C-alpha atoms as a PDB file:
ATOM      1  CA  MET A   1      88.725 109.064  92.975  1.00  0.00           C
ATOM      2  CA  ASP A   2      91.528 111.432  92.033  1.00  0.00           C
ATOM      3  CA  PHE A   3      94.715 110.755  90.080  1.00  0.00           C
ATOM      4  CA  TYR A   4      96.905 110.524  93.193  1.00  0.00           C
ATOM      5  CA  THR A   5      94.633 108.013  94.897  1.00  0.00           C
ATOM      6  CA  LYS A   6      94.604 105.849  91.776  1.00  0.00           C
ATOM      7  CA  ARG A   7      98.390 106.054  91.579  1.00  0.00           C
ATOM      8  CA  ASP A   8      98.700 105.075  95.263  1.00  0.00           C
ATOM      9  CA  ILE A   9      96.390 102.106  94.723  1.00  0.00           C
ATOM     10  CA  GLN A  10      98.357 100.917  91.679  1.00  0.00           C
ATOM     11  CA  SER A  11     101.602 101.250  93.621  1.00  0.00           C
ATOM     12  CA  SER A  12     100.121  99.260  96.510  1.00  0.00           C
ATOM     13  CA  PHE A  13      98.950  96.518  94.151  1.00  0.00           C
ATOM     14  CA  ARG A  14     102.465  96.205  92.731  1.00  0.00           C
ATOM     15  CA  ARG A  15     104.146  96.170  96.133  1.00  0.00           C
ATOM     16  CA  VAL A  16     101.727  93.609  97.623  1.00  0.00           C
ATOM     17  CA  GLU A  17     102.378  91.333  94.654  1.00  0.00           C
ATOM     18  CA  GLU A  18     106.151  91.766  95.073  1.00  0.00           C
ATOM     19  CA  LEU A  19     105.965  90.878  98.768  1.00  0.00           C
ATOM     20  CA  LEU A  20     103.758  87.841  98.183  1.00  0.00           C
ATOM     21  CA  GLN A  21     105.939  86.575  95.324  1.00  0.00           C
ATOM     22  CA  SER A  22     109.219  87.169  97.169  1.00  0.00           C
ATOM     23  CA  GLY A  23     109.061  83.894  99.111  1.00  0.00           C
ATOM     24  CA  ILE A  24     109.681  85.691 102.415  1.00  0.00           C
ATOM     25  CA  PHE A  25     106.693  83.933 104.009  1.00  0.00           C
ATOM     26  CA  GLU A  26     107.905  80.438 103.100  1.00  0.00           C
ATOM     27  CA  PRO A  27     108.948  78.200 106.029  1.00  0.00           C
ATOM     28  CA  GLN A  28     112.583  78.117 104.915  1.00  0.00           C
ATOM     29  CA  ASN A  29     112.742  81.887 105.538  1.00  0.00           C
ATOM     30  CA  CYS A  30     111.282  81.731 109.052  1.00  0.00           C
ATOM     31  CA  ALA A  31     114.539  82.897 110.666  1.00  0.00           C
ATOM     32  CA  SER A  32     114.947  85.881 108.353  1.00  0.00           C
ATOM     33  CA  PRO A  33     114.900  89.245 110.119  1.00  0.00           C
ATOM     34  CA  LEU A  34     112.932  90.516 107.127  1.00  0.00           C
ATOM     35  CA  VAL A  35     109.794  88.453 107.792  1.00  0.00           C
ATOM     36  CA  MET A  36     108.486  90.942 110.334  1.00  0.00           C
ATOM     37  CA  ALA A  37     109.290  93.892 108.053  1.00  0.00           C
ATOM     38  CA  ALA A  38     107.517  92.224 105.135  1.00  0.00           C
ATOM     39  CA  LEU A  39     104.480  91.399 107.285  1.00  0.00           C
ATOM     40  CA  THR A  40     104.355  94.967 108.607  1.00  0.00           C
ATOM     41  CA  GLU A  41     104.443  96.460 105.127  1.00  0.00           C
ATOM     42  CA  LEU A  42     101.940  93.926 103.808  1.00  0.00           C
ATOM     43  CA  LEU A  43      99.453  94.713 106.578  1.00  0.00           C
ATOM     44  CA  ILE A  44      99.852  98.467 106.110  1.00  0.00           C
ATOM     45  CA  LEU A  45      99.211  98.157 102.373  1.00  0.00           C
ATOM     46  CA  VAL A  46      96.308  95.709 102.611  1.00  0.00           C
ATOM     47  CA  ARG A  47      94.667  97.753 105.375  1.00  0.00           C
ATOM     48  CA  ASP A  48      94.935 100.870 103.229  1.00  0.00           C
ATOM     49  CA  LEU A  49      93.469  99.093 100.206  1.00  0.00           C
ATOM     50  CA  MET A  50      90.573  97.809 102.332  1.00  0.00           C
ATOM     51  CA  ALA A  51      89.930 101.343 103.623  1.00  0.00           C
ATOM     52  CA  LYS A  52      89.877 102.627 100.047  1.00  0.00           C
ATOM     53  CA  ALA A  53      87.536  99.806  99.004  1.00  0.00           C
ATOM     54  CA  GLU A  54      85.221 100.778 101.853  1.00  0.00           C
ATOM     55  CA  LYS A  55      85.368 104.478 100.943  1.00  0.00           C
ATOM     56  CA  PHE A  56      84.946 104.140  97.182  1.00  0.00           C
ATOM     57  CA  ALA A  57      83.096 100.825  96.732  1.00  0.00           C
ATOM     58  CA  ASN A  58      82.256  98.174  99.357  1.00  0.00           C
ATOM     59  CA  PRO A  59      83.859  97.149 102.636  1.00  0.00           C
ATOM     60  CA  ILE A  60      85.681  93.833 103.010  1.00  0.00           C
ATOM     61  CA  THR A  61      83.834  92.164 105.872  1.00  0.00           C
ATOM     62  CA  PHE A  62      84.100  88.388 105.693  1.00  0.00           C
ATOM     63  CA  THR A  63      84.339  86.565 109.030  1.00  0.00           C
ATOM     64  CA  ASP A  64      85.652  83.115 108.043  1.00  0.00           C
ATOM     65  CA  ASP A  65      88.216  82.001 110.662  1.00  0.00           C
ATOM     66  CA  VAL A  66      88.190  85.460 112.294  1.00  0.00           C
ATOM     67  CA  ASN A  67      88.305  85.473 116.092  1.00  0.00           C
ATOM     68  CA  VAL A  68      85.203  87.646 116.529  1.00  0.00           C
ATOM     69  CA  THR A  69      85.332  89.714 119.718  1.00  0.00           C
ATOM     70  CA  GLU A  70      83.910  92.972 120.985  1.00  0.00           C
ATOM     71  CA  LYS A  71      86.712  94.871 119.170  1.00  0.00           C
ATOM     72  CA  VAL A  72      86.991  92.663 116.066  1.00  0.00           C
ATOM     73  CA  THR A  73      83.897  91.666 114.104  1.00  0.00           C
ATOM     74  CA  ASN A  74      85.314  91.004 110.620  1.00  0.00           C
ATOM     75  CA  VAL A  75      88.541  90.597 108.661  1.00  0.00           C
ATOM     76  CA  SER A  76      89.034  94.335 108.099  1.00  0.00           C
ATOM     77  CA  GLN A  77      89.001  94.925 111.821  1.00  0.00           C
ATOM     78  CA  ALA A  78      91.259  91.900 112.459  1.00  0.00           C
ATOM     79  CA  ILE A  79      93.834  93.203 109.975  1.00  0.00           C
ATOM     80  CA  LYS A  80      93.636  96.691 111.492  1.00  0.00           C
ATOM     81  CA  PHE A  81      93.970  95.203 115.003  1.00  0.00           C
ATOM     82  CA  ILE A  82      97.140  93.312 114.084  1.00  0.00           C
ATOM     83  CA  ARG A  83      98.492  96.167 111.957  1.00  0.00           C
ATOM     84  CA  ASP A  84      98.141  98.420 115.020  1.00  0.00           C
ATOM     85  CA  ALA A  85      99.766  95.801 117.262  1.00  0.00           C
ATOM     86  CA  ILE A  86     102.697  95.314 114.920  1.00  0.00           C
ATOM     87  CA  CYS A  87     103.263  99.063 114.371  1.00  0.00           C
ATOM     88  CA  HIS A  88     102.914 100.139 118.017  1.00  0.00           C
ATOM     89  CA  VAL A  89     105.226  98.261 120.357  1.00  0.00           C
ATOM     90  CA  ASP A  90     103.274  99.345 123.450  1.00  0.00           C
ATOM     91  CA  SER A  91      99.864  98.505 121.961  1.00  0.00           C
ATOM     92  CA  GLU A  92      97.318  96.824 124.200  1.00  0.00           C
ATOM     93  CA  ASN A  93      96.454  94.759 121.113  1.00  0.00           C
ATOM     94  CA  ARG A  94      99.476  92.619 121.960  1.00  0.00           C
ATOM     95  CA  ASN A  95      97.781  91.450 125.170  1.00  0.00           C
ATOM     96  CA  HIS A  96      95.739  88.251 125.018  1.00  0.00           C
ATOM     97  CA  ASP A  97      92.512  88.971 126.891  1.00  0.00           C
ATOM     98  CA  GLU A  98      91.762  85.389 127.917  1.00  0.00           C
ATOM     99  CA  CYS A  99      95.104  84.151 129.199  1.00  0.00           C
ATOM    100  CA  TYR A 100      96.733  87.426 130.273  1.00  0.00           C
ATOM    101  CA  ALA A 101      99.788  86.830 128.111  1.00  0.00           C
ATOM    102  CA  ARG A 102     101.533  89.228 125.773  1.00  0.00           C
ATOM    103  CA  LEU A 103     101.728  87.776 122.266  1.00  0.00           C
ATOM    104  CA  SER A 104     103.658  90.234 120.201  1.00  0.00           C
ATOM    105  CA  TYR A 105     104.899  88.236 117.257  1.00  0.00           C
ATOM    106  CA  ASN A 106     104.425  84.542 116.717  1.00  0.00           C
ATOM    107  CA  ILE A 107     104.195  82.550 113.494  1.00  0.00           C
ATOM    108  CA  ALA A 108     102.983  79.028 112.823  1.00  0.00           C
ATOM    109  CA  TYR A 109     103.746  77.367 109.515  1.00  0.00           C
ATOM    110  CA  GLY A 110     101.059  74.763 108.950  1.00  0.00           C
ATOM    111  CA  LYS A 111      98.752  73.176 111.482  1.00  0.00           C
ATOM    112  CA  ARG A 112     100.241  73.258 114.978  1.00  0.00           C
ATOM    113  CA  ALA A 113      99.766  74.360 118.546  1.00  0.00           C
ATOM    114  CA  LEU A 114     102.228  77.058 119.561  1.00  0.00           C
ATOM    115  CA  ALA A 115     101.380  77.205 123.241  1.00  0.00           C
ATOM    116  CA  LYS A 116      98.834  76.423 125.886  1.00  0.00           C
ATOM    117  CA  ILE A 117      98.446  79.070 128.562  1.00  0.00           C
ATOM    118  CA  GLY A 118      95.972  77.985 131.201  1.00  0.00           C
ATOM    119  CA  GLN A 119      92.937  76.821 129.264  1.00  0.00           C
ATOM    120  CA  VAL A 120      93.779  78.847 126.161  1.00  0.00           C
ATOM    121  CA  GLU A 121      95.493  77.115 123.255  1.00  0.00           C
ATOM    122  CA  ILE A 122      97.325  79.283 120.729  1.00  0.00           C
ATOM    123  CA  ARG A 123      97.095  77.282 117.513  1.00  0.00           C
ATOM    124  CA  SER A 124      96.986  77.310 113.759  1.00  0.00           C
ATOM    125  CA  ASP A 125      94.290  75.103 112.289  1.00  0.00           C
ATOM    126  CA  TYR A 126      95.436  74.667 108.681  1.00  0.00           C
ATOM    127  CA  GLU A 127      98.308  72.687 107.240  1.00  0.00           C
ATOM    128  CA  ASP A 128      98.339  74.731 104.046  1.00  0.00           C
ATOM    129  CA  ASP A 129      98.639  78.212 105.559  1.00  0.00           C
ATOM    130  CA  VAL A 130     100.874  80.492 107.620  1.00  0.00           C
ATOM    131  CA  CYS A 131      99.365  81.980 110.769  1.00  0.00           C
ATOM    132  CA  PHE A 132     100.456  85.180 112.547  1.00  0.00           C
ATOM    133  CA  PHE A 133      99.488  85.759 116.191  1.00  0.00           C
ATOM    134  CA  PHE A 134      99.211  89.061 118.066  1.00  0.00           C
ATOM    135  CA  GLY A 135      97.311  89.326 121.327  1.00  0.00           C
ATOM    136  CA  SER A 136      94.009  87.510 121.070  1.00  0.00           C
ATOM    137  CA  GLN A 137      93.924  87.675 117.259  1.00  0.00           C
ATOM    138  CA  LYS A 138      95.445  85.603 114.508  1.00  0.00           C
ATOM    139  CA  LEU A 139      95.642  86.135 110.784  1.00  0.00           C
ATOM    140  CA  TYR A 140      96.203  83.498 108.171  1.00  0.00           C
ATOM    141  CA  LEU A 141      98.292  84.612 105.227  1.00  0.00           C
ATOM    142  CA  GLY A 142      96.075  82.931 102.631  1.00  0.00           C
ATOM    143  CA  ARG A 143      92.690  82.788 104.298  1.00  0.00           C
ATOM    144  CA  HIS A 144      92.739  86.365 105.583  1.00  0.00           C
ATOM    145  CA  ILE A 145      95.462  88.621 104.187  1.00  0.00           C
ATOM    146  CA  ILE A 146      95.579  87.401 100.583  1.00  0.00           C
ATOM    147  CA  ARG A 147      91.813  86.934 100.375  1.00  0.00           C
ATOM    148  CA  ALA A 148      91.198  90.439 101.782  1.00  0.00           C
ATOM    149  CA  TYR A 149      93.717  91.854  99.307  1.00  0.00           C
ATOM    150  CA  GLU A 150      92.048  90.065  96.380  1.00  0.00           C
ATOM    151  CA  GLU A 151      88.585  91.214  97.456  1.00  0.00           C
ATOM    152  CA  ALA A 152      89.759  94.820  97.875  1.00  0.00           C
ATOM    153  CA  LYS A 153      91.468  94.647  94.486  1.00  0.00           C
ATOM    154  CA  ALA A 154      88.290  93.315  92.877  1.00  0.00           C
ATOM    155  CA  GLU A 155      86.378  96.292  94.315  1.00  0.00           C
ATOM    156  CA  LEU A 156      88.990  98.860  93.278  1.00  0.00           C
ATOM    157  CA  VAL A 157      90.123  97.736  89.809  1.00  0.00           C
ATOM    158  CA  PRO A 158      86.844  98.698  88.061  1.00  0.00           C
ATOM    159  CA  LEU A 159      87.076 102.166  89.632  1.00  0.00           C
ATOM    160  CA  MET A 160      90.615 102.611  88.352  1.00  0.00           C
ATOM    161  CA  ARG A 161      89.347 102.479  84.769  1.00  0.00           C
ATOM    162  CA  LYS A 162      86.925 105.355  85.273  1.00  0.00           C
ATOM    163  CA  THR A 163      88.096 108.830  84.396  1.00  0.00           C
END
């Protein structure tokens, strides 16, 4: 791992921590126009850190609460799927395969059902988490994004110490 990669990783660690500590994902900030920007940046950074963990150490592949499909088989792929959907307005990843709806940006704070379209219920299952929905995928802030970040960090930090 070269100097520039290490510097990029350290910068990403700092910025992820700043975003998570900013309070932007708290329910009282739900109407802020900056929530989507913060989520976009967070997903870009965490996805990059996971890619670096995969390249230099071990991939982040847990499946807890991941909607496993043909395209998405673990958390890394779920984060990439939603990162692509959020960054590309015309992405097919915004289309829900089961109910033929376009879910481009929805958030649930706590446990709640957002919608029922035909037989498909769009819902968050945890009172203690924030859930982001795009197409047929959902990501929990704590259970997916923060956990993936912490696992990637745990893989990368020991490599940062090597010269």
